[in-house]
């Protein structure tokens, strides 16, 4: 009697193509390459056949749906999503950052809170600011940093352990500025509109474009690194 149950369980496993088609209604931008990339980032772990083909269980699909919704609805970076899915202790911090989507203001922190949250020294924070990696606003003489600045500072601190200084990271800021400027040109008419619905549609379009641009950048980056790592 155990054989039919085993066969039934096997039949519930889905190929990557089937998963892609199944999710396209809710996530029109889903692609096989994106699912593979999420696997490369350690967010998914589908089973493999002896021939190397991926097989997804219903639990795998549910996890993928959660990841995609956090990207689309909360605009969370993959690092935060990974922490939230793998560590209950990280969920509180991730939930706090969720409030800072494109259409909602971020919570601000001062320099002391930034350093404590990101585990950086004031000297490093000032250096990151000098090279444009942190972008505080001035509030009556007090510098206030957005929640994204906390994430940026924490990541830069980790890179600093490998000898990568703020001046080396300036190229990342320059590249981000170029991409942001391009996307801004595409949605500028909607964002300038006085019609709330059109403006909200523009924000949603900007978020979709940002996700696609980020995905393309990551795919190109990892492709180049694979060439570097290949014998």
Protein backbone atom coordinates (compact mmCIF):
# COMPACT_ATOMS: atom_id res chain seq x y z
CA UNK A 1 0.00 0.00 0.00
CA UNK A 2 2.99 2.34 0.40
CA UNK A 3 3.79 2.37 -3.32
CA UNK A 4 0.68 4.34 -4.44
CA UNK A 5 1.31 6.95 -1.75
CA UNK A 6 4.87 7.33 -2.90
CA UNK A 7 3.71 7.63 -6.50
CA UNK A 8 1.13 10.25 -5.51
CA UNK A 9 3.76 12.30 -3.68
CA UNK A 10 6.04 12.11 -6.70
CA UNK A 11 3.27 13.30 -9.00
CA UNK A 12 2.87 16.44 -6.91
CA UNK A 13 6.41 17.54 -7.73
CA UNK A 14 6.49 20.23 -10.41
CA UNK A 15 9.10 21.12 -12.99
CA UNK A 16 10.50 24.65 -13.10
CA UNK A 17 8.56 25.34 -16.30
CA UNK A 18 5.29 24.27 -14.68
CA UNK A 19 5.99 26.44 -11.64
CA UNK A 20 6.71 29.43 -13.87
CA UNK A 21 3.44 29.03 -15.78
CA UNK A 22 1.49 28.48 -12.58
CA UNK A 23 2.71 31.75 -11.03
CA UNK A 24 2.56 33.95 -14.11
CA UNK A 25 -0.99 35.13 -13.44
CA UNK A 26 -0.03 36.75 -10.13
CA UNK A 27 3.60 37.45 -11.08
CA UNK A 28 3.71 38.31 -14.80
CA UNK A 29 7.46 38.98 -14.66
CA UNK A 30 8.38 35.56 -13.25
CA UNK A 31 10.84 33.64 -15.38
CA UNK A 32 12.86 30.45 -15.24
CA UNK A 33 16.05 32.49 -14.95
CA UNK A 34 14.67 34.39 -11.95
CA UNK A 35 13.76 31.17 -10.15
CA UNK A 36 17.24 29.79 -10.86
CA UNK A 37 18.77 32.99 -9.54
CA UNK A 38 16.78 32.76 -6.29
CA UNK A 39 18.06 29.21 -5.94
CA UNK A 40 21.64 30.42 -6.51
CA UNK A 41 21.08 32.93 -3.70
CA UNK A 42 20.12 30.17 -1.28
CA UNK A 43 16.46 31.14 -1.05
CA UNK A 44 15.15 27.99 -2.71
CA UNK A 45 16.29 24.37 -2.53
CA UNK A 46 14.24 22.24 -4.94
CA UNK A 47 14.93 18.55 -5.33
CA UNK A 48 16.99 17.31 -8.26
CA UNK A 49 16.53 14.26 -10.43
CA UNK A 50 19.50 12.11 -11.33
CA UNK A 51 19.66 14.05 -14.57
CA UNK A 52 19.86 17.36 -12.68
CA UNK A 53 16.32 18.59 -13.37
CA UNK A 54 14.67 20.65 -10.65
CA UNK A 55 11.49 19.37 -9.00
CA UNK A 56 9.41 21.64 -6.77
CA UNK A 57 7.08 20.50 -4.02
CA UNK A 58 4.01 22.49 -2.95
CA UNK A 59 6.05 23.78 0.00
CA UNK A 60 8.72 25.00 -2.43
CA UNK A 61 6.08 26.82 -4.47
CA UNK A 62 4.58 28.43 -1.37
CA UNK A 63 8.02 29.60 -0.29
CA UNK A 64 8.64 31.03 -3.76
CA UNK A 65 5.31 32.87 -3.64
CA UNK A 66 6.27 34.36 -0.28
CA UNK A 67 9.63 35.54 -1.65
CA UNK A 68 8.03 37.12 -4.70
CA UNK A 69 5.37 38.89 -2.63
CA UNK A 70 7.98 40.29 -0.25
CA UNK A 71 9.89 41.60 -3.25
CA UNK A 72 6.83 43.03 -4.98
CA UNK A 73 4.75 44.31 -2.07
CA UNK A 74 7.39 45.18 0.53
CA UNK A 75 10.36 45.85 -1.77
CA UNK A 76 12.65 43.97 0.60
CA UNK A 77 16.18 43.11 -0.56
CA UNK A 78 17.01 39.42 -0.91
CA UNK A 79 19.32 39.49 2.10
CA UNK A 80 16.47 40.61 4.37
CA UNK A 81 14.09 38.07 2.85
CA UNK A 82 16.64 35.31 3.43
CA UNK A 83 17.05 36.32 7.07
CA UNK A 84 13.31 36.49 7.63
CA UNK A 85 12.69 33.07 6.13
CA UNK A 86 15.57 31.38 7.93
CA UNK A 87 15.64 33.06 11.33
CA UNK A 88 12.60 33.90 13.48
CA UNK A 89 14.76 36.41 15.33
CA UNK A 90 15.28 38.42 12.18
CA UNK A 91 11.58 38.73 11.42
CA UNK A 92 11.08 41.70 13.73
CA UNK A 93 13.78 43.76 12.05
CA UNK A 94 12.56 42.78 8.61
CA UNK A 95 8.98 43.70 9.54
CA UNK A 96 10.20 47.11 10.72
CA UNK A 97 11.90 47.75 7.38
CA UNK A 98 8.80 46.69 5.42
CA UNK A 99 7.13 50.00 6.15
CA UNK A 100 9.65 51.77 3.95
CA UNK A 101 8.31 51.00 0.48
CA UNK A 102 8.48 53.41 -2.43
CA UNK A 103 5.19 55.04 -1.51
CA UNK A 104 5.82 55.26 2.25
CA UNK A 105 8.38 57.32 4.16
CA UNK A 106 11.21 55.57 5.95
CA UNK A 107 11.77 55.76 9.67
CA UNK A 108 14.76 57.98 10.45
CA UNK A 109 17.65 57.35 12.82
CA UNK A 110 20.40 59.66 14.00
CA UNK A 111 24.12 58.95 13.71
CA UNK A 112 24.30 57.13 17.05
CA UNK A 113 21.39 54.84 16.17
CA UNK A 114 22.85 54.22 12.72
CA UNK A 115 26.18 53.14 14.18
CA UNK A 116 24.54 50.90 16.77
CA UNK A 117 22.17 49.26 14.28
CA UNK A 118 24.74 48.76 11.51
CA UNK A 119 27.69 47.99 13.78
CA UNK A 120 29.85 50.72 12.25
CA UNK A 121 32.04 53.39 13.81
CA UNK A 122 31.20 57.08 13.44
CA UNK A 123 34.41 57.47 11.43
CA UNK A 124 33.30 54.84 8.91
CA UNK A 125 29.82 56.38 8.72
CA UNK A 126 31.35 59.76 7.89
CA UNK A 127 33.60 58.19 5.28
CA UNK A 128 30.65 56.43 3.66
CA UNK A 129 28.79 59.72 3.62
CA UNK A 130 31.74 61.54 2.06
CA UNK A 131 31.73 59.09 -0.84
CA UNK A 132 27.96 59.32 -1.33
CA UNK A 133 27.10 55.87 0.00
CA UNK A 134 25.02 57.33 2.83
CA UNK A 135 22.54 60.08 2.07
CA UNK A 136 21.27 61.70 5.29
CA UNK A 137 18.88 64.61 5.39
CA UNK A 138 19.37 67.66 7.57
CA UNK A 139 16.69 68.30 10.20
CA UNK A 140 17.44 71.56 12.01
CA UNK A 141 21.15 70.79 12.10
CA UNK A 142 20.75 67.09 12.93
CA UNK A 143 21.61 64.47 10.33
CA UNK A 144 18.95 61.82 9.99
CA UNK A 145 19.46 58.58 8.08
CA UNK A 146 16.80 56.43 6.45
CA UNK A 147 16.41 52.72 7.13
CA UNK A 148 18.03 51.87 3.81
CA UNK A 149 21.12 53.77 4.98
CA UNK A 150 21.34 51.37 7.91
CA UNK A 151 21.39 48.42 5.50
CA UNK A 152 23.93 50.16 3.26
CA UNK A 153 26.23 50.92 6.20
CA UNK A 154 26.01 47.35 7.53
CA UNK A 155 26.88 45.89 4.12
CA UNK A 156 29.75 48.32 3.61
CA UNK A 157 31.11 47.36 7.03
CA UNK A 158 31.16 43.70 6.01
CA UNK A 159 32.96 44.56 2.78
CA UNK A 160 35.48 46.62 4.74
CA UNK A 161 36.62 43.43 6.47
CA UNK A 162 37.90 42.29 3.07
CA UNK A 163 39.87 45.49 2.58
CA UNK A 164 37.26 47.21 0.42
CA UNK A 165 37.08 50.85 1.44
CA UNK A 166 34.41 53.47 0.81
CA UNK A 167 36.29 54.94 -2.15
CA UNK A 168 36.28 51.54 -3.83
CA UNK A 169 32.51 51.35 -3.39
CA UNK A 170 31.81 54.71 -4.97
CA UNK A 171 31.35 52.99 -8.34
CA UNK A 172 28.33 51.15 -6.91
CA UNK A 173 26.73 54.47 -6.02
CA UNK A 174 27.51 55.85 -9.47
CA UNK A 175 25.95 52.81 -11.16
CA UNK A 176 22.87 53.04 -8.93
CA UNK A 177 22.47 56.72 -9.79
CA UNK A 178 22.58 55.97 -13.51
CA UNK A 179 19.94 53.24 -13.23
CA UNK A 180 17.70 55.39 -11.03
CA UNK A 181 17.96 58.29 -13.50
CA UNK A 182 16.97 56.03 -16.39
CA UNK A 183 13.92 54.70 -14.57
CA UNK A 184 12.98 58.19 -13.44
CA UNK A 185 12.84 59.36 -17.05
CA UNK A 186 10.46 56.52 -17.91
CA UNK A 187 7.90 57.23 -15.19
CA UNK A 188 8.41 60.98 -14.67
CA UNK A 189 5.10 62.04 -16.30
CA UNK A 190 3.10 59.76 -13.99
CA UNK A 191 4.99 60.82 -10.87
CA UNK A 192 4.39 64.51 -11.68
CA UNK A 193 0.69 63.94 -12.21
CA UNK A 194 -1.77 65.59 -9.83
CA UNK A 195 -4.10 62.63 -10.27
CA UNK A 196 -3.54 60.40 -7.20
CA UNK A 197 -4.46 57.24 -9.09
CA UNK A 198 -2.09 57.98 -11.95
CA UNK A 199 0.70 58.85 -9.53
CA UNK A 200 0.15 55.61 -7.59
CA UNK A 201 0.21 53.68 -10.86
CA UNK A 202 3.50 55.41 -11.66
CA UNK A 203 4.96 54.33 -8.32
CA UNK A 204 3.89 50.74 -8.94
CA UNK A 205 5.43 50.87 -12.42
CA UNK A 206 8.63 52.29 -10.98
CA UNK A 207 8.79 49.45 -8.47
CA UNK A 208 8.28 46.84 -11.21
CA UNK A 209 10.95 48.46 -13.36
CA UNK A 210 13.31 48.57 -10.37
CA UNK A 211 12.82 44.86 -9.69
CA UNK A 212 13.51 43.99 -13.33
CA UNK A 213 16.56 46.25 -13.46
CA UNK A 214 17.88 44.73 -10.24
CA UNK A 215 17.30 41.23 -11.57
CA UNK A 216 19.16 42.03 -14.81
CA UNK A 217 22.08 43.58 -12.92
CA UNK A 218 22.34 40.55 -10.64
CA UNK A 219 22.16 38.09 -13.52
CA UNK A 220 24.88 39.91 -15.46
CA UNK A 221 27.01 40.20 -12.34
CA UNK A 222 26.78 36.51 -11.49
CA UNK A 223 27.42 35.54 -15.10
CA UNK A 224 30.66 37.55 -15.03
CA UNK A 225 31.67 35.98 -11.72
CA UNK A 226 31.06 32.52 -13.10
CA UNK A 227 33.50 33.35 -15.90
CA UNK A 228 36.02 34.50 -13.31
CA UNK A 229 35.59 31.31 -11.28
CA UNK A 230 35.70 28.96 -14.25
CA UNK A 231 39.02 27.15 -14.89
